[in-house]
Amino acid sequence: MNEARAKRPTQNYALRLPASLKAEVERVAHDEGASINQFIATAVAEKLAALKTAAYFAEKRALADFEAFDRIMARSGGQPPQNGDRLP
């Protein structure tokens, strides 16, 4: 067993899944070459990351000054792209 993995604390949690969902998890985990435990742990980690990301952007949005954004976007503008600035 990987030494670093052995030192990480883990806890057990009895999970009840509908039979059809468990069968699909088993199939996909097998196809991915992962254990059911690895598959579920990864799915939970991905969901937590998505929720944290959504919360982060909601927090940043709450700080945004949309009136300032609109003023900046309404400005006339700037210089045309210089040679070499355009994508091929």
PDB file of N, CA and C in Angstrom:
ATOM      1  N   MET A   1       0.845  -1.185   0.000  1.00  0.00           N
ATOM      2  CA  MET A   1       0.000   0.000   0.000  1.00  0.00           C
ATOM      3  C   MET A   1       0.883   1.239   0.000  1.00  0.00           C
ATOM      4  N   ASN A   2       0.477   2.247  -0.738  1.00  0.00           N
ATOM      5  CA  ASN A   2       1.197   3.508  -0.811  1.00  0.00           C
ATOM      6  C   ASN A   2       1.286   4.106   0.590  1.00  0.00           C
ATOM      7  N   GLU A   3       2.515   4.465   1.019  1.00  0.00           N
ATOM      8  CA  GLU A   3       2.730   4.947   2.383  1.00  0.00           C
ATOM      9  C   GLU A   3       1.982   6.245   2.667  1.00  0.00           C
ATOM     10  N   ALA A   4       2.008   7.183   1.714  1.00  0.00           N
ATOM     11  CA  ALA A   4       1.310   8.452   1.911  1.00  0.00           C
ATOM     12  C   ALA A   4      -0.190   8.225   2.019  1.00  0.00           C
ATOM     13  N   ARG A   5      -0.701   7.319   1.235  1.00  0.00           N
ATOM     14  CA  ARG A   5      -2.132   7.017   1.261  1.00  0.00           C
ATOM     15  C   ARG A   5      -2.517   6.380   2.587  1.00  0.00           C
ATOM     16  N   ALA A   6      -1.666   5.537   3.119  1.00  0.00           N
ATOM     17  CA  ALA A   6      -1.958   4.848   4.367  1.00  0.00           C
ATOM     18  C   ALA A   6      -2.057   5.828   5.529  1.00  0.00           C
ATOM     19  N   LYS A   7      -1.370   6.962   5.467  1.00  0.00           N
ATOM     20  CA  LYS A   7      -1.346   7.927   6.564  1.00  0.00           C
ATOM     21  C   LYS A   7      -2.532   8.888   6.530  1.00  0.00           C
ATOM     22  N   ARG A   8      -3.226   8.969   5.406  1.00  0.00           N
ATOM     23  CA  ARG A   8      -4.366   9.880   5.318  1.00  0.00           C
ATOM     24  C   ARG A   8      -5.540   9.330   6.114  1.00  0.00           C
ATOM     25  N   PRO A   9      -6.126  10.163   6.976  1.00  0.00           N
ATOM     26  CA  PRO A   9      -7.279   9.673   7.733  1.00  0.00           C
ATOM     27  C   PRO A   9      -8.497   9.547   6.811  1.00  0.00           C
ATOM     28  N   THR A  10      -9.228   8.505   6.991  1.00  0.00           N
ATOM     29  CA  THR A  10     -10.453   8.302   6.228  1.00  0.00           C
ATOM     30  C   THR A  10     -11.564   7.930   7.194  1.00  0.00           C
ATOM     31  N   GLN A  11     -12.766   8.090   6.739  1.00  0.00           N
ATOM     32  CA  GLN A  11     -13.922   7.672   7.525  1.00  0.00           C
ATOM     33  C   GLN A  11     -14.848   6.899   6.620  1.00  0.00           C
ATOM     34  N   ASN A  12     -15.559   5.982   7.214  1.00  0.00           N
ATOM     35  CA  ASN A  12     -16.532   5.190   6.474  1.00  0.00           C
ATOM     36  C   ASN A  12     -17.896   5.855   6.541  1.00  0.00           C
ATOM     37  N   TYR A  13     -18.657   5.658   5.464  1.00  0.00           N
ATOM     38  CA  TYR A  13     -20.005   6.181   5.401  1.00  0.00           C
ATOM     39  C   TYR A  13     -20.838   5.173   4.623  1.00  0.00           C
ATOM     40  N   ALA A  14     -21.847   4.650   5.256  1.00  0.00           N
ATOM     41  CA  ALA A  14     -22.730   3.695   4.573  1.00  0.00           C
ATOM     42  C   ALA A  14     -23.617   4.484   3.607  1.00  0.00           C
ATOM     43  N   LEU A  15     -23.515   4.159   2.353  1.00  0.00           N
ATOM     44  CA  LEU A  15     -24.246   4.883   1.319  1.00  0.00           C
ATOM     45  C   LEU A  15     -25.310   3.980   0.724  1.00  0.00           C
ATOM     46  N   ARG A  16     -26.526   4.467   0.721  1.00  0.00           N
ATOM     47  CA  ARG A  16     -27.617   3.699   0.115  1.00  0.00           C
ATOM     48  C   ARG A  16     -27.911   4.286  -1.259  1.00  0.00           C
ATOM     49  N   LEU A  17     -27.799   3.455  -2.271  1.00  0.00           N
ATOM     50  CA  LEU A  17     -28.087   3.873  -3.636  1.00  0.00           C
ATOM     51  C   LEU A  17     -29.185   2.988  -4.201  1.00  0.00           C
ATOM     52  N   PRO A  18     -30.040   3.544  -5.040  1.00  0.00           N
ATOM     53  CA  PRO A  18     -30.977   2.682  -5.759  1.00  0.00           C
ATOM     54  C   PRO A  18     -30.181   1.658  -6.577  1.00  0.00           C
ATOM     55  N   ALA A  19     -30.729   0.471  -6.716  1.00  0.00           N
ATOM     56  CA  ALA A  19     -30.019  -0.616  -7.399  1.00  0.00           C
ATOM     57  C   ALA A  19     -29.582  -0.212  -8.805  1.00  0.00           C
ATOM     58  N   SER A  20     -30.431   0.500  -9.521  1.00  0.00           N
ATOM     59  CA  SER A  20     -30.080   0.882 -10.889  1.00  0.00           C
ATOM     60  C   SER A  20     -28.900   1.860 -10.906  1.00  0.00           C
ATOM     61  N   LEU A  21     -28.856   2.768  -9.949  1.00  0.00           N
ATOM     62  CA  LEU A  21     -27.754   3.724  -9.874  1.00  0.00           C
ATOM     63  C   LEU A  21     -26.461   3.012  -9.477  1.00  0.00           C
ATOM     64  N   LYS A  22     -26.547   2.109  -8.525  1.00  0.00           N
ATOM     65  CA  LYS A  22     -25.362   1.359  -8.105  1.00  0.00           C
ATOM     66  C   LYS A  22     -24.809   0.541  -9.267  1.00  0.00           C
ATOM     67  N   ALA A  23     -25.688  -0.076 -10.029  1.00  0.00           N
ATOM     68  CA  ALA A  23     -25.239  -0.869 -11.177  1.00  0.00           C
ATOM     69  C   ALA A  23     -24.518   0.011 -12.191  1.00  0.00           C
ATOM     70  N   GLU A  24     -25.034   1.210 -12.414  1.00  0.00           N
ATOM     71  CA  GLU A  24     -24.389   2.134 -13.361  1.00  0.00           C
ATOM     72  C   GLU A  24     -23.042   2.608 -12.822  1.00  0.00           C
ATOM     73  N   VAL A  25     -22.974   2.894 -11.520  1.00  0.00           N
ATOM     74  CA  VAL A  25     -21.702   3.280 -10.903  1.00  0.00           C
ATOM     75  C   VAL A  25     -20.690   2.146 -11.051  1.00  0.00           C
ATOM     76  N   GLU A  26     -21.113   0.923 -10.796  1.00  0.00           N
ATOM     77  CA  GLU A  26     -20.210  -0.226 -10.944  1.00  0.00           C
ATOM     78  C   GLU A  26     -19.686  -0.329 -12.366  1.00  0.00           C
ATOM     79  N   ARG A  27     -20.593  -0.157 -13.339  1.00  0.00           N
ATOM     80  CA  ARG A  27     -20.199  -0.280 -14.735  1.00  0.00           C
ATOM     81  C   ARG A  27     -19.203   0.810 -15.127  1.00  0.00           C
ATOM     82  N   VAL A  28     -19.520   2.042 -14.788  1.00  0.00           N
ATOM     83  CA  VAL A  28     -18.652   3.159 -15.173  1.00  0.00           C
ATOM     84  C   VAL A  28     -17.316   3.077 -14.440  1.00  0.00           C
ATOM     85  N   ALA A  29     -17.345   2.759 -13.156  1.00  0.00           N
ATOM     86  CA  ALA A  29     -16.095   2.625 -12.397  1.00  0.00           C
ATOM     87  C   ALA A  29     -15.215   1.545 -13.019  1.00  0.00           C
ATOM     88  N   HIS A  30     -15.814   0.432 -13.377  1.00  0.00           N
ATOM     89  CA  HIS A  30     -15.052  -0.650 -14.017  1.00  0.00           C
ATOM     90  C   HIS A  30     -14.457  -0.179 -15.333  1.00  0.00           C
ATOM     91  N   ASP A  31     -15.264   0.507 -16.143  1.00  0.00           N
ATOM     92  CA  ASP A  31     -14.782   1.028 -17.432  1.00  0.00           C
ATOM     93  C   ASP A  31     -13.630   2.020 -17.253  1.00  0.00           C
ATOM     94  N   GLU A  32     -13.665   2.778 -16.153  1.00  0.00           N
ATOM     95  CA  GLU A  32     -12.620   3.759 -15.862  1.00  0.00           C
ATOM     96  C   GLU A  32     -11.410   3.135 -15.178  1.00  0.00           C
ATOM     97  N   GLY A  33     -11.509   1.870 -14.811  1.00  0.00           N
ATOM     98  CA  GLY A  33     -10.410   1.207 -14.118  1.00  0.00           C
ATOM     99  C   GLY A  33     -10.279   1.650 -12.672  1.00  0.00           C
ATOM    100  N   ALA A  34     -11.393   2.024 -12.072  1.00  0.00           N
ATOM    101  CA  ALA A  34     -11.393   2.500 -10.690  1.00  0.00           C
ATOM    102  C   ALA A  34     -12.297   1.625  -9.840  1.00  0.00           C
ATOM    103  N   SER A  35     -12.071   1.683  -8.553  1.00  0.00           N
ATOM    104  CA  SER A  35     -12.978   0.994  -7.643  1.00  0.00           C
ATOM    105  C   SER A  35     -14.233   1.853  -7.486  1.00  0.00           C
ATOM    106  N   ILE A  36     -15.285   1.245  -6.969  1.00  0.00           N
ATOM    107  CA  ILE A  36     -16.508   2.003  -6.708  1.00  0.00           C
ATOM    108  C   ILE A  36     -16.198   3.123  -5.712  1.00  0.00           C
ATOM    109  N   ASN A  37     -15.416   2.830  -4.703  1.00  0.00           N
ATOM    110  CA  ASN A  37     -15.053   3.821  -3.704  1.00  0.00           C
ATOM    111  C   ASN A  37     -14.312   4.994  -4.349  1.00  0.00           C
ATOM    112  N   GLN A  38     -13.331   4.709  -5.201  1.00  0.00           N
ATOM    113  CA  GLN A  38     -12.583   5.773  -5.878  1.00  0.00           C
ATOM    114  C   GLN A  38     -13.515   6.613  -6.747  1.00  0.00           C
ATOM    115  N   PHE A  39     -14.390   5.943  -7.464  1.00  0.00           N
ATOM    116  CA  PHE A  39     -15.315   6.642  -8.352  1.00  0.00           C
ATOM    117  C   PHE A  39     -16.215   7.595  -7.567  1.00  0.00           C
ATOM    118  N   ILE A  40     -16.801   7.111  -6.477  1.00  0.00           N
ATOM    119  CA  ILE A  40     -17.710   7.930  -5.682  1.00  0.00           C
ATOM    120  C   ILE A  40     -16.951   9.061  -4.994  1.00  0.00           C
ATOM    121  N   ALA A  41     -15.761   8.776  -4.463  1.00  0.00           N
ATOM    122  CA  ALA A  41     -14.966   9.821  -3.815  1.00  0.00           C
ATOM    123  C   ALA A  41     -14.610  10.924  -4.816  1.00  0.00           C
ATOM    124  N   THR A  42     -14.262  10.532  -6.034  1.00  0.00           N
ATOM    125  CA  THR A  42     -13.937  11.513  -7.067  1.00  0.00           C
ATOM    126  C   THR A  42     -15.174  12.319  -7.462  1.00  0.00           C
ATOM    127  N   ALA A  43     -16.310  11.655  -7.578  1.00  0.00           N
ATOM    128  CA  ALA A  43     -17.550  12.357  -7.927  1.00  0.00           C
ATOM    129  C   ALA A  43     -17.918  13.375  -6.853  1.00  0.00           C
ATOM    130  N   VAL A  44     -17.761  13.007  -5.589  1.00  0.00           N
ATOM    131  CA  VAL A  44     -18.056  13.932  -4.491  1.00  0.00           C
ATOM    132  C   VAL A  44     -17.080  15.114  -4.531  1.00  0.00           C
ATOM    133  N   ALA A  45     -15.798  14.830  -4.761  1.00  0.00           N
ATOM    134  CA  ALA A  45     -14.794  15.906  -4.833  1.00  0.00           C
ATOM    135  C   ALA A  45     -15.107  16.859  -5.983  1.00  0.00           C
ATOM    136  N   GLU A  46     -15.511  16.321  -7.134  1.00  0.00           N
ATOM    137  CA  GLU A  46     -15.860  17.172  -8.275  1.00  0.00           C
ATOM    138  C   GLU A  46     -17.076  18.042  -7.958  1.00  0.00           C
ATOM    139  N   LYS A  47     -18.062  17.482  -7.300  1.00  0.00           N
ATOM    140  CA  LYS A  47     -19.260  18.253  -6.946  1.00  0.00           C
ATOM    141  C   LYS A  47     -18.906  19.368  -5.968  1.00  0.00           C
ATOM    142  N   LEU A  48     -18.084  19.055  -4.960  1.00  0.00           N
ATOM    143  CA  LEU A  48     -17.662  20.081  -4.010  1.00  0.00           C
ATOM    144  C   LEU A  48     -16.890  21.202  -4.710  1.00  0.00           C
ATOM    145  N   ALA A  49     -16.014  20.844  -5.635  1.00  0.00           N
ATOM    146  CA  ALA A  49     -15.254  21.847  -6.379  1.00  0.00           C
ATOM    147  C   ALA A  49     -16.192  22.737  -7.193  1.00  0.00           C
ATOM    148  N   ALA A  50     -17.195  22.147  -7.823  1.00  0.00           N
ATOM    149  CA  ALA A  50     -18.154  22.930  -8.606  1.00  0.00           C
ATOM    150  C   ALA A  50     -18.937  23.891  -7.711  1.00  0.00           C
ATOM    151  N   LEU A  51     -19.365  23.420  -6.550  1.00  0.00           N
ATOM    152  CA  LEU A  51     -20.107  24.285  -5.633  1.00  0.00           C
ATOM    153  C   LEU A  51     -19.235  25.419  -5.103  1.00  0.00           C
ATOM    154  N   LYS A  52     -17.980  25.112  -4.777  1.00  0.00           N
ATOM    155  CA  LYS A  52     -17.070  26.145  -4.290  1.00  0.00           C
ATOM    156  C   LYS A  52     -16.790  27.171  -5.387  1.00  0.00           C
ATOM    157  N   THR A  53     -16.644  26.714  -6.618  1.00  0.00           N
ATOM    158  CA  THR A  53     -16.395  27.618  -7.733  1.00  0.00           C
ATOM    159  C   THR A  53     -17.591  28.541  -7.950  1.00  0.00           C
ATOM    160  N   ALA A  54     -18.788  27.977  -7.910  1.00  0.00           N
ATOM    161  CA  ALA A  54     -20.001  28.794  -8.073  1.00  0.00           C
ATOM    162  C   ALA A  54     -20.105  29.830  -6.955  1.00  0.00           C
ATOM    163  N   ALA A  55     -19.794  29.437  -5.729  1.00  0.00           N
ATOM    164  CA  ALA A  55     -19.850  30.367  -4.604  1.00  0.00           C
ATOM    165  C   ALA A  55     -18.804  31.477  -4.769  1.00  0.00           C
ATOM    166  N   TYR A  56     -17.618  31.119  -5.238  1.00  0.00           N
ATOM    167  CA  TYR A  56     -16.553  32.098  -5.456  1.00  0.00           C
ATOM    168  C   TYR A  56     -17.004  33.153  -6.467  1.00  0.00           C
ATOM    169  N   PHE A  57     -17.556  32.708  -7.595  1.00  0.00           N
ATOM    170  CA  PHE A  57     -17.977  33.665  -8.617  1.00  0.00           C
ATOM    171  C   PHE A  57     -19.198  34.470  -8.177  1.00  0.00           C
ATOM    172  N   ALA A  58     -20.071  33.884  -7.379  1.00  0.00           N
ATOM    173  CA  ALA A  58     -21.206  34.643  -6.850  1.00  0.00           C
ATOM    174  C   ALA A  58     -20.703  35.741  -5.916  1.00  0.00           C
ATOM    175  N   GLU A  59     -19.694  35.419  -5.113  1.00  0.00           N
ATOM    176  CA  GLU A  59     -19.102  36.408  -4.214  1.00  0.00           C
ATOM    177  C   GLU A  59     -18.461  37.545  -5.013  1.00  0.00           C
ATOM    178  N   LYS A  60     -17.722  37.204  -6.061  1.00  0.00           N
ATOM    179  CA  LYS A  60     -17.080  38.222  -6.889  1.00  0.00           C
ATOM    180  C   LYS A  60     -18.117  39.064  -7.620  1.00  0.00           C
ATOM    181  N   ARG A  61     -19.195  38.434  -8.076  1.00  0.00           N
ATOM    182  CA  ARG A  61     -20.255  39.162  -8.780  1.00  0.00           C
ATOM    183  C   ARG A  61     -20.899  40.183  -7.849  1.00  0.00           C
ATOM    184  N   ALA A  62     -21.061  39.818  -6.589  1.00  0.00           N
ATOM    185  CA  ALA A  62     -21.675  40.737  -5.631  1.00  0.00           C
ATOM    186  C   ALA A  62     -20.825  41.992  -5.434  1.00  0.00           C
ATOM    187  N   LEU A  63     -19.530  41.903  -5.693  1.00  0.00           N
ATOM    188  CA  LEU A  63     -18.633  43.047  -5.543  1.00  0.00           C
ATOM    189  C   LEU A  63     -18.519  43.885  -6.813  1.00  0.00           C
ATOM    190  N   ALA A  64     -19.085  43.389  -7.900  1.00  0.00           N
ATOM    191  CA  ALA A  64     -18.923  44.052  -9.190  1.00  0.00           C
ATOM    192  C   ALA A  64     -19.694  45.367  -9.243  1.00  0.00           C
ATOM    193  N   ASP A  65     -19.130  46.326  -9.967  1.00  0.00           N
ATOM    194  CA  ASP A  65     -19.775  47.618 -10.197  1.00  0.00           C
ATOM    195  C   ASP A  65     -20.239  47.621 -11.657  1.00  0.00           C
ATOM    196  N   PHE A  66     -21.484  47.223 -11.868  1.00  0.00           N
ATOM    197  CA  PHE A  66     -21.990  47.080 -13.227  1.00  0.00           C
ATOM    198  C   PHE A  66     -22.182  48.434 -13.918  1.00  0.00           C
ATOM    199  N   GLU A  67     -22.445  49.474 -13.164  1.00  0.00           N
ATOM    200  CA  GLU A  67     -22.555  50.804 -13.772  1.00  0.00           C
ATOM    201  C   GLU A  67     -21.201  51.238 -14.328  1.00  0.00           C
ATOM    202  N   ALA A  68     -20.139  50.988 -13.590  1.00  0.00           N
ATOM    203  CA  ALA A  68     -18.792  51.311 -14.082  1.00  0.00           C
ATOM    204  C   ALA A  68     -18.469  50.467 -15.314  1.00  0.00           C
ATOM    205  N   PHE A  69     -18.850  49.205 -15.291  1.00  0.00           N
ATOM    206  CA  PHE A  69     -18.629  48.334 -16.445  1.00  0.00           C
ATOM    207  C   PHE A  69     -19.332  48.901 -17.675  1.00  0.00           C
ATOM    208  N   ASP A  70     -20.594  49.280 -17.505  1.00  0.00           N
ATOM    209  CA  ASP A  70     -21.354  49.832 -18.631  1.00  0.00           C
ATOM    210  C   ASP A  70     -20.711  51.121 -19.158  1.00  0.00           C
ATOM    211  N   ARG A  71     -20.207  51.970 -18.255  1.00  0.00           N
ATOM    212  CA  ARG A  71     -19.538  53.203 -18.696  1.00  0.00           C
ATOM    213  C   ARG A  71     -18.281  52.880 -19.498  1.00  0.00           C
ATOM    214  N   ILE A  72     -17.512  51.953 -19.013  1.00  0.00           N
ATOM    215  CA  ILE A  72     -16.275  51.579 -19.710  1.00  0.00           C
ATOM    216  C   ILE A  72     -16.597  50.992 -21.077  1.00  0.00           C
ATOM    217  N   MET A  73     -17.592  50.139 -21.140  1.00  0.00           N
ATOM    218  CA  MET A  73     -17.936  49.495 -22.407  1.00  0.00           C
ATOM    219  C   MET A  73     -18.536  50.472 -23.411  1.00  0.00           C
ATOM    220  N   ALA A  74     -19.124  51.548 -22.926  1.00  0.00           N
ATOM    221  CA  ALA A  74     -19.758  52.530 -23.813  1.00  0.00           C
ATOM    222  C   ALA A  74     -18.761  53.549 -24.352  1.00  0.00           C
ATOM    223  N   ARG A  75     -17.543  53.566 -23.832  1.00  0.00           N
ATOM    224  CA  ARG A  75     -16.558  54.547 -24.307  1.00  0.00           C
ATOM    225  C   ARG A  75     -16.267  54.328 -25.783  1.00  0.00           C
ATOM    226  N   SER A  76     -15.988  55.419 -26.472  1.00  0.00           N
ATOM    227  CA  SER A  76     -15.564  55.262 -27.847  1.00  0.00           C
ATOM    228  C   SER A  76     -14.132  54.819 -27.811  1.00  0.00           C
ATOM    229  N   GLY A  77     -13.785  54.249 -28.980  1.00  0.00           N
ATOM    230  CA  GLY A  77     -12.633  53.722 -28.696  1.00  0.00           C
ATOM    231  C   GLY A  77     -11.362  53.417 -29.179  1.00  0.00           C
ATOM    232  N   GLY A  78     -10.351  53.829 -28.709  1.00  0.00           N
ATOM    233  CA  GLY A  78      -9.047  53.255 -28.876  1.00  0.00           C
ATOM    234  C   GLY A  78      -8.500  53.284 -30.282  1.00  0.00           C
ATOM    235  N   GLN A  79      -7.486  52.533 -30.464  1.00  0.00           N
ATOM    236  CA  GLN A  79      -6.764  52.435 -31.723  1.00  0.00           C
ATOM    237  C   GLN A  79      -7.149  51.133 -32.426  1.00  0.00           C
ATOM    238  N   PRO A  80      -7.130  51.152 -33.752  1.00  0.00           N
ATOM    239  CA  PRO A  80      -7.332  49.879 -34.453  1.00  0.00           C
ATOM    240  C   PRO A  80      -6.139  48.969 -34.190  1.00  0.00           C
ATOM    241  N   PRO A  81      -6.311  47.696 -34.381  1.00  0.00           N
ATOM    242  CA  PRO A  81      -5.182  46.771 -34.160  1.00  0.00           C
ATOM    243  C   PRO A  81      -3.993  47.126 -35.059  1.00  0.00           C
ATOM    244  N   GLN A  82      -2.815  47.021 -34.506  1.00  0.00           N
ATOM    245  CA  GLN A  82      -1.579  47.268 -35.259  1.00  0.00           C
ATOM    246  C   GLN A  82      -1.218  46.018 -36.041  1.00  0.00           C
ATOM    247  N   ASN A  83      -0.297  46.202 -37.012  1.00  0.00           N
ATOM    248  CA  ASN A  83       0.180  45.025 -37.749  1.00  0.00           C
ATOM    249  C   ASN A  83       0.749  44.030 -36.735  1.00  0.00           C
ATOM    250  N   GLY A  84       0.384  42.780 -36.900  1.00  0.00           N
ATOM    251  CA  GLY A  84       0.857  41.740 -35.996  1.00  0.00           C
ATOM    252  C   GLY A  84      -0.083  41.485 -34.838  1.00  0.00           C
ATOM    253  N   ASP A  85      -1.057  42.392 -34.635  1.00  0.00           N
ATOM    254  CA  ASP A  85      -2.015  42.200 -33.541  1.00  0.00           C
ATOM    255  C   ASP A  85      -3.177  41.281 -33.933  1.00  0.00           C
ATOM    256  N   ARG A  86      -3.418  41.157 -35.222  1.00  0.00           N
ATOM    257  CA  ARG A  86      -4.539  40.353 -35.682  1.00  0.00           C
ATOM    258  C   ARG A  86      -4.153  38.873 -35.734  1.00  0.00           C
ATOM    259  N   LEU A  87      -5.123  38.039 -35.441  1.00  0.00           N
ATOM    260  CA  LEU A  87      -4.897  36.600 -35.562  1.00  0.00           C
ATOM    261  C   LEU A  87      -4.941  36.215 -37.039  1.00  0.00           C
ATOM    262  N   PRO A  88      -4.163  35.213 -37.426  1.00  0.00           N
ATOM    263  CA  PRO A  88      -4.169  34.810 -38.845  1.00  0.00           C
ATOM    264  C   PRO A  88      -5.512  34.243 -39.283  1.00  0.00           C
TER     265      PRO A  88
END
